[in-house]
Amino acid sequence: MTFARNETYRSIGQILAADVLPALYRAQKLPLRISCLGVASYDASDAANSFDRVIPLGECPSPEEAIQATALRVARGDICTGPDSFPYFQPRIMLIQDRDQRLVLAGEIRAGIILWEQPVASDAEARRIVTEASHLRGMAIGAAASTEARALRYRAAALEARLVDPFWRETSTDLLRLPQAA
């Protein structure tokens, strides 16, 4: 007599390999750190004395909560509000990184919203982006005006926002498919 194998039951080995071990590995990379790259200055009228600055915004226990927290901070204009903050800060790029500072997700800030960048789909695409971003940074070094150089550096950083760590690519791609709550 032959019994048909019931597909609703999985062996303990399958459960460990497919569910438990990946969850434990992911937990080692948490909490996720949120930060914002932007232009800071002490005087709104003095563009020559402005400088690039990364502002740490906190930690979140999951990618979903990190996306919600960043959207809320940007919507409220609550990026650079601490006692050691800069009076004039223009947020440009929002970053979500894991404990090892690997990129989980990044996006440009425009008109009070975050335009999350779609992670690269392959290593070949990642190499193309690195080459293009390097070219832009090289042009920034040779730029005559500081404002032109800054614009080129931010274009390069926006491209590099797609260079999500391979560990997080699938998770980030899945998150971007979900409807975003404001």
C-alpha atoms as a PDB file:
ATOM      1  CA  MET A   1       0.000   0.000   0.000  1.00  0.00           C
ATOM      2  CA  THR A   2       1.324   3.413  -0.951  1.00  0.00           C
ATOM      3  CA  PHE A   3       0.364   6.531   0.947  1.00  0.00           C
ATOM      4  CA  ALA A   4       0.080   9.802  -0.870  1.00  0.00           C
ATOM      5  CA  ARG A   5       2.318  12.387   0.668  1.00  0.00           C
ATOM      6  CA  ASN A   6       0.321  15.212   2.132  1.00  0.00           C
ATOM      7  CA  GLU A   7       1.858  18.539   1.069  1.00  0.00           C
ATOM      8  CA  THR A   8       0.353  20.437   3.985  1.00  0.00           C
ATOM      9  CA  TYR A   9       2.928  18.994   6.381  1.00  0.00           C
ATOM     10  CA  ARG A  10       6.593  19.909   6.236  1.00  0.00           C
ATOM     11  CA  SER A  11       9.466  18.242   7.986  1.00  0.00           C
ATOM     12  CA  ILE A  12      11.198  20.027  10.851  1.00  0.00           C
ATOM     13  CA  GLY A  13      14.273  20.359   8.642  1.00  0.00           C
ATOM     14  CA  GLN A  14      12.270  22.168   5.967  1.00  0.00           C
ATOM     15  CA  ILE A  15      10.738  24.499   8.543  1.00  0.00           C
ATOM     16  CA  LEU A  16      14.142  25.291  10.032  1.00  0.00           C
ATOM     17  CA  ALA A  17      15.766  25.909   6.652  1.00  0.00           C
ATOM     18  CA  ALA A  18      12.942  27.925   5.112  1.00  0.00           C
ATOM     19  CA  ASP A  19      11.526  29.874   8.060  1.00  0.00           C
ATOM     20  CA  VAL A  20      13.501  29.816  11.310  1.00  0.00           C
ATOM     21  CA  LEU A  21      17.116  30.276  10.159  1.00  0.00           C
ATOM     22  CA  PRO A  22      16.387  33.158   7.733  1.00  0.00           C
ATOM     23  CA  ALA A  23      14.380  34.922  10.450  1.00  0.00           C
ATOM     24  CA  LEU A  24      17.234  34.518  12.940  1.00  0.00           C
ATOM     25  CA  TYR A  25      19.767  35.772  10.403  1.00  0.00           C
ATOM     26  CA  ARG A  26      17.578  38.790   9.629  1.00  0.00           C
ATOM     27  CA  ALA A  27      17.161  39.510  13.353  1.00  0.00           C
ATOM     28  CA  GLN A  28      20.949  39.790  13.673  1.00  0.00           C
ATOM     29  CA  LYS A  29      20.852  42.718  11.218  1.00  0.00           C
ATOM     30  CA  LEU A  30      18.258  44.664  13.218  1.00  0.00           C
ATOM     31  CA  PRO A  31      17.507  47.318  14.365  1.00  0.00           C
ATOM     32  CA  LEU A  32      17.510  49.374  11.187  1.00  0.00           C
ATOM     33  CA  ARG A  33      19.049  52.824  11.323  1.00  0.00           C
ATOM     34  CA  ILE A  34      17.396  55.774   9.616  1.00  0.00           C
ATOM     35  CA  SER A  35      19.320  58.835   8.483  1.00  0.00           C
ATOM     36  CA  CYS A  36      18.936  61.752   6.108  1.00  0.00           C
ATOM     37  CA  LEU A  37      21.537  63.218   3.772  1.00  0.00           C
ATOM     38  CA  GLY A  38      21.088  66.899   3.021  1.00  0.00           C
ATOM     39  CA  VAL A  39      22.565  70.371   2.824  1.00  0.00           C
ATOM     40  CA  ALA A  40      23.046  72.249   6.086  1.00  0.00           C
ATOM     41  CA  SER A  41      23.918  75.856   6.760  1.00  0.00           C
ATOM     42  CA  TYR A  42      23.750  78.372   9.568  1.00  0.00           C
ATOM     43  CA  ASP A  43      22.443  81.162   7.327  1.00  0.00           C
ATOM     44  CA  ALA A  44      19.734  80.690   4.688  1.00  0.00           C
ATOM     45  CA  SER A  45      21.164  83.344   2.366  1.00  0.00           C
ATOM     46  CA  ASP A  46      24.715  81.995   2.312  1.00  0.00           C
ATOM     47  CA  ALA A  47      24.898  79.074  -0.138  1.00  0.00           C
ATOM     48  CA  ALA A  48      28.698  79.306  -0.223  1.00  0.00           C
ATOM     49  CA  ASN A  49      28.956  78.289   3.436  1.00  0.00           C
ATOM     50  CA  SER A  50      26.519  75.393   3.186  1.00  0.00           C
ATOM     51  CA  PHE A  51      27.805  71.847   3.557  1.00  0.00           C
ATOM     52  CA  ASP A  52      26.628  68.268   3.150  1.00  0.00           C
ATOM     53  CA  ARG A  53      25.517  66.574   6.360  1.00  0.00           C
ATOM     54  CA  VAL A  54      24.084  63.208   7.364  1.00  0.00           C
ATOM     55  CA  ILE A  55      21.529  63.532  10.172  1.00  0.00           C
ATOM     56  CA  PRO A  56      20.785  60.342  12.178  1.00  0.00           C
ATOM     57  CA  LEU A  57      17.052  60.025  12.841  1.00  0.00           C
ATOM     58  CA  GLY A  58      16.742  56.893  14.936  1.00  0.00           C
ATOM     59  CA  GLU A  59      16.202  53.145  14.781  1.00  0.00           C
ATOM     60  CA  CYS A  60      13.296  50.874  13.874  1.00  0.00           C
ATOM     61  CA  PRO A  61      12.761  47.160  14.492  1.00  0.00           C
ATOM     62  CA  SER A  62      11.594  46.319  10.943  1.00  0.00           C
ATOM     63  CA  PRO A  63      11.779  47.622   7.365  1.00  0.00           C
ATOM     64  CA  GLU A  64       8.030  48.279   7.353  1.00  0.00           C
ATOM     65  CA  GLU A  65       8.244  50.453  10.459  1.00  0.00           C
ATOM     66  CA  ALA A  66      11.322  52.233   9.100  1.00  0.00           C
ATOM     67  CA  ILE A  67       9.449  53.217   5.926  1.00  0.00           C
ATOM     68  CA  GLN A  68       6.501  54.480   7.967  1.00  0.00           C
ATOM     69  CA  ALA A  69       8.749  56.425  10.346  1.00  0.00           C
ATOM     70  CA  THR A  70      10.675  58.098   7.532  1.00  0.00           C
ATOM     71  CA  ALA A  71       7.499  59.084   5.674  1.00  0.00           C
ATOM     72  CA  LEU A  72       6.080  60.590   8.863  1.00  0.00           C
ATOM     73  CA  ARG A  73       9.266  62.547   9.644  1.00  0.00           C
ATOM     74  CA  VAL A  74       9.428  63.982   6.123  1.00  0.00           C
ATOM     75  CA  ALA A  75       5.710  64.846   6.062  1.00  0.00           C
ATOM     76  CA  ARG A  76       6.021  66.699   9.388  1.00  0.00           C
ATOM     77  CA  GLY A  77       9.299  68.391   8.410  1.00  0.00           C
ATOM     78  CA  ASP A  78      10.783  66.739  11.500  1.00  0.00           C
ATOM     79  CA  ILE A  79      14.258  65.994  10.158  1.00  0.00           C
ATOM     80  CA  CYS A  80      16.667  68.377  11.822  1.00  0.00           C
ATOM     81  CA  THR A  81      14.953  69.538  15.006  1.00  0.00           C
ATOM     82  CA  GLY A  82      17.264  68.609  17.879  1.00  0.00           C
ATOM     83  CA  PRO A  83      19.184  71.006  20.144  1.00  0.00           C
ATOM     84  CA  ASP A  84      22.370  70.558  18.064  1.00  0.00           C
ATOM     85  CA  SER A  85      20.533  70.916  14.765  1.00  0.00           C
ATOM     86  CA  PHE A  86      21.174  73.327  11.955  1.00  0.00           C
ATOM     87  CA  PRO A  87      18.773  76.229  11.506  1.00  0.00           C
ATOM     88  CA  TYR A  88      18.700  75.604   7.752  1.00  0.00           C
ATOM     89  CA  PHE A  89      18.693  72.018   6.540  1.00  0.00           C
ATOM     90  CA  GLN A  90      17.467  70.856   3.138  1.00  0.00           C
ATOM     91  CA  PRO A  91      16.848  67.085   3.202  1.00  0.00           C
ATOM     92  CA  ARG A  92      17.809  65.365  -0.045  1.00  0.00           C
ATOM     93  CA  ILE A  93      18.103  61.590   0.447  1.00  0.00           C
ATOM     94  CA  MET A  94      16.613  59.300   3.087  1.00  0.00           C
ATOM     95  CA  LEU A  95      18.608  56.188   4.028  1.00  0.00           C
ATOM     96  CA  ILE A  96      17.638  53.000   5.837  1.00  0.00           C
ATOM     97  CA  GLN A  97      20.605  50.841   6.826  1.00  0.00           C
ATOM     98  CA  ASP A  98      20.991  47.691   8.876  1.00  0.00           C
ATOM     99  CA  ARG A  99      23.205  47.186  11.923  1.00  0.00           C
ATOM    100  CA  ASP A 100      26.216  46.517   9.657  1.00  0.00           C
ATOM    101  CA  GLN A 101      25.536  49.768   7.726  1.00  0.00           C
ATOM    102  CA  ARG A 102      24.378  47.864   4.654  1.00  0.00           C
ATOM    103  CA  LEU A 103      21.819  49.708   2.567  1.00  0.00           C
ATOM    104  CA  VAL A 104      18.267  48.392   3.000  1.00  0.00           C
ATOM    105  CA  LEU A 105      16.437  51.133   1.098  1.00  0.00           C
ATOM    106  CA  ALA A 106      17.005  54.737   0.033  1.00  0.00           C
ATOM    107  CA  GLY A 107      15.109  57.433  -1.765  1.00  0.00           C
ATOM    108  CA  GLU A 108      15.158  61.044  -2.841  1.00  0.00           C
ATOM    109  CA  ILE A 109      13.083  63.596  -0.963  1.00  0.00           C
ATOM    110  CA  ARG A 110      11.064  65.848  -3.252  1.00  0.00           C
ATOM    111  CA  ALA A 111       8.131  68.100  -2.429  1.00  0.00           C
ATOM    112  CA  GLY A 112       7.765  66.642   1.046  1.00  0.00           C
ATOM    113  CA  ILE A 113       7.634  62.972   0.003  1.00  0.00           C
ATOM    114  CA  ILE A 114      10.195  60.205  -0.363  1.00  0.00           C
ATOM    115  CA  LEU A 115      10.600  58.714  -3.814  1.00  0.00           C
ATOM    116  CA  TRP A 116      12.039  55.319  -2.887  1.00  0.00           C
ATOM    117  CA  GLU A 117      14.514  53.960  -5.421  1.00  0.00           C
ATOM    118  CA  GLN A 118      13.885  50.514  -6.892  1.00  0.00           C
ATOM    119  CA  PRO A 119      16.800  48.222  -5.891  1.00  0.00           C
ATOM    120  CA  VAL A 120      19.034  46.911  -8.660  1.00  0.00           C
ATOM    121  CA  ALA A 121      17.909  43.584 -10.071  1.00  0.00           C
ATOM    122  CA  SER A 122      21.332  42.143 -10.889  1.00  0.00           C
ATOM    123  CA  ASP A 123      25.049  42.487 -10.297  1.00  0.00           C
ATOM    124  CA  ALA A 124      25.477  43.716 -13.882  1.00  0.00           C
ATOM    125  CA  GLU A 125      23.006  46.535 -13.237  1.00  0.00           C
ATOM    126  CA  ALA A 126      24.855  47.374 -10.004  1.00  0.00           C
ATOM    127  CA  ARG A 127      28.159  47.609 -11.912  1.00  0.00           C
ATOM    128  CA  ARG A 128      26.554  49.940 -14.475  1.00  0.00           C
ATOM    129  CA  ILE A 129      25.257  52.219 -11.715  1.00  0.00           C
ATOM    130  CA  VAL A 130      28.627  52.288  -9.940  1.00  0.00           C
ATOM    131  CA  THR A 131      30.318  53.263 -13.211  1.00  0.00           C
ATOM    132  CA  GLU A 132      27.794  56.024 -13.924  1.00  0.00           C
ATOM    133  CA  ALA A 133      27.929  57.374 -10.350  1.00  0.00           C
ATOM    134  CA  SER A 134      31.745  57.375 -10.448  1.00  0.00           C
ATOM    135  CA  HIS A 135      31.613  59.344 -13.690  1.00  0.00           C
ATOM    136  CA  LEU A 136      29.285  61.921 -12.083  1.00  0.00           C
ATOM    137  CA  ARG A 137      31.545  62.238  -9.041  1.00  0.00           C
ATOM    138  CA  GLY A 138      34.535  62.744 -11.336  1.00  0.00           C
ATOM    139  CA  MET A 139      32.655  65.529 -13.100  1.00  0.00           C
ATOM    140  CA  ALA A 140      31.877  67.054  -9.682  1.00  0.00           C
ATOM    141  CA  ILE A 141      35.573  67.224  -8.845  1.00  0.00           C
ATOM    142  CA  GLY A 142      36.212  69.139 -12.054  1.00  0.00           C
ATOM    143  CA  ALA A 143      33.195  71.445 -11.713  1.00  0.00           C
ATOM    144  CA  ALA A 144      33.964  75.148 -11.483  1.00  0.00           C
ATOM    145  CA  ALA A 145      31.074  76.129  -9.220  1.00  0.00           C
ATOM    146  CA  SER A 146      30.371  74.547  -5.841  1.00  0.00           C
ATOM    147  CA  THR A 147      26.624  74.467  -6.555  1.00  0.00           C
ATOM    148  CA  GLU A 148      27.241  72.559  -9.799  1.00  0.00           C
ATOM    149  CA  ALA A 149      29.546  70.121  -7.981  1.00  0.00           C
ATOM    150  CA  ARG A 150      26.952  69.558  -5.256  1.00  0.00           C
ATOM    151  CA  ALA A 151      24.229  68.898  -7.851  1.00  0.00           C
ATOM    152  CA  LEU A 152      26.452  66.301  -9.560  1.00  0.00           C
ATOM    153  CA  ARG A 153      27.257  64.620  -6.230  1.00  0.00           C
ATOM    154  CA  TYR A 154      23.556  64.380  -5.370  1.00  0.00           C
ATOM    155  CA  ARG A 155      22.773  62.907  -8.791  1.00  0.00           C
ATOM    156  CA  ALA A 156      25.451  60.280  -8.075  1.00  0.00           C
ATOM    157  CA  ALA A 157      24.030  59.634  -4.595  1.00  0.00           C
ATOM    158  CA  ALA A 158      20.525  59.236  -6.044  1.00  0.00           C
ATOM    159  CA  LEU A 159      21.870  56.597  -8.441  1.00  0.00           C
ATOM    160  CA  GLU A 160      23.717  54.851  -5.613  1.00  0.00           C
ATOM    161  CA  ALA A 161      20.442  54.700  -3.668  1.00  0.00           C
ATOM    162  CA  ARG A 162      19.573  51.740  -5.898  1.00  0.00           C
ATOM    163  CA  LEU A 163      22.605  49.783  -4.629  1.00  0.00           C
ATOM    164  CA  VAL A 164      20.692  47.901  -1.961  1.00  0.00           C
ATOM    165  CA  ASP A 165      22.650  45.130  -0.259  1.00  0.00           C
ATOM    166  CA  PRO A 166      21.905  41.750  -1.895  1.00  0.00           C
ATOM    167  CA  PHE A 167      20.604  40.409   1.440  1.00  0.00           C
ATOM    168  CA  TRP A 168      17.890  43.095   1.481  1.00  0.00           C
ATOM    169  CA  ARG A 169      17.050  43.297  -2.260  1.00  0.00           C
ATOM    170  CA  GLU A 170      14.075  40.946  -2.208  1.00  0.00           C
ATOM    171  CA  THR A 171      12.663  42.442   0.991  1.00  0.00           C
ATOM    172  CA  SER A 172      13.016  45.995  -0.336  1.00  0.00           C
ATOM    173  CA  THR A 173      11.481  45.119  -3.689  1.00  0.00           C
ATOM    174  CA  ASP A 174       8.522  43.488  -1.917  1.00  0.00           C
ATOM    175  CA  LEU A 175       8.079  46.537   0.336  1.00  0.00           C
ATOM    176  CA  LEU A 176       7.937  48.872  -2.652  1.00  0.00           C
ATOM    177  CA  ARG A 177       5.114  46.809  -4.136  1.00  0.00           C
ATOM    178  CA  LEU A 178       2.931  47.456  -1.069  1.00  0.00           C
ATOM    179  CA  PRO A 179       0.702  50.549  -1.019  1.00  0.00           C
ATOM    180  CA  GLN A 180       2.415  53.290   0.955  1.00  0.00           C
ATOM    181  CA  ALA A 181       0.500  54.989   3.750  1.00  0.00           C
ATOM    182  CA  ALA A 182       1.150  58.669   4.237  1.00  0.00           C
END
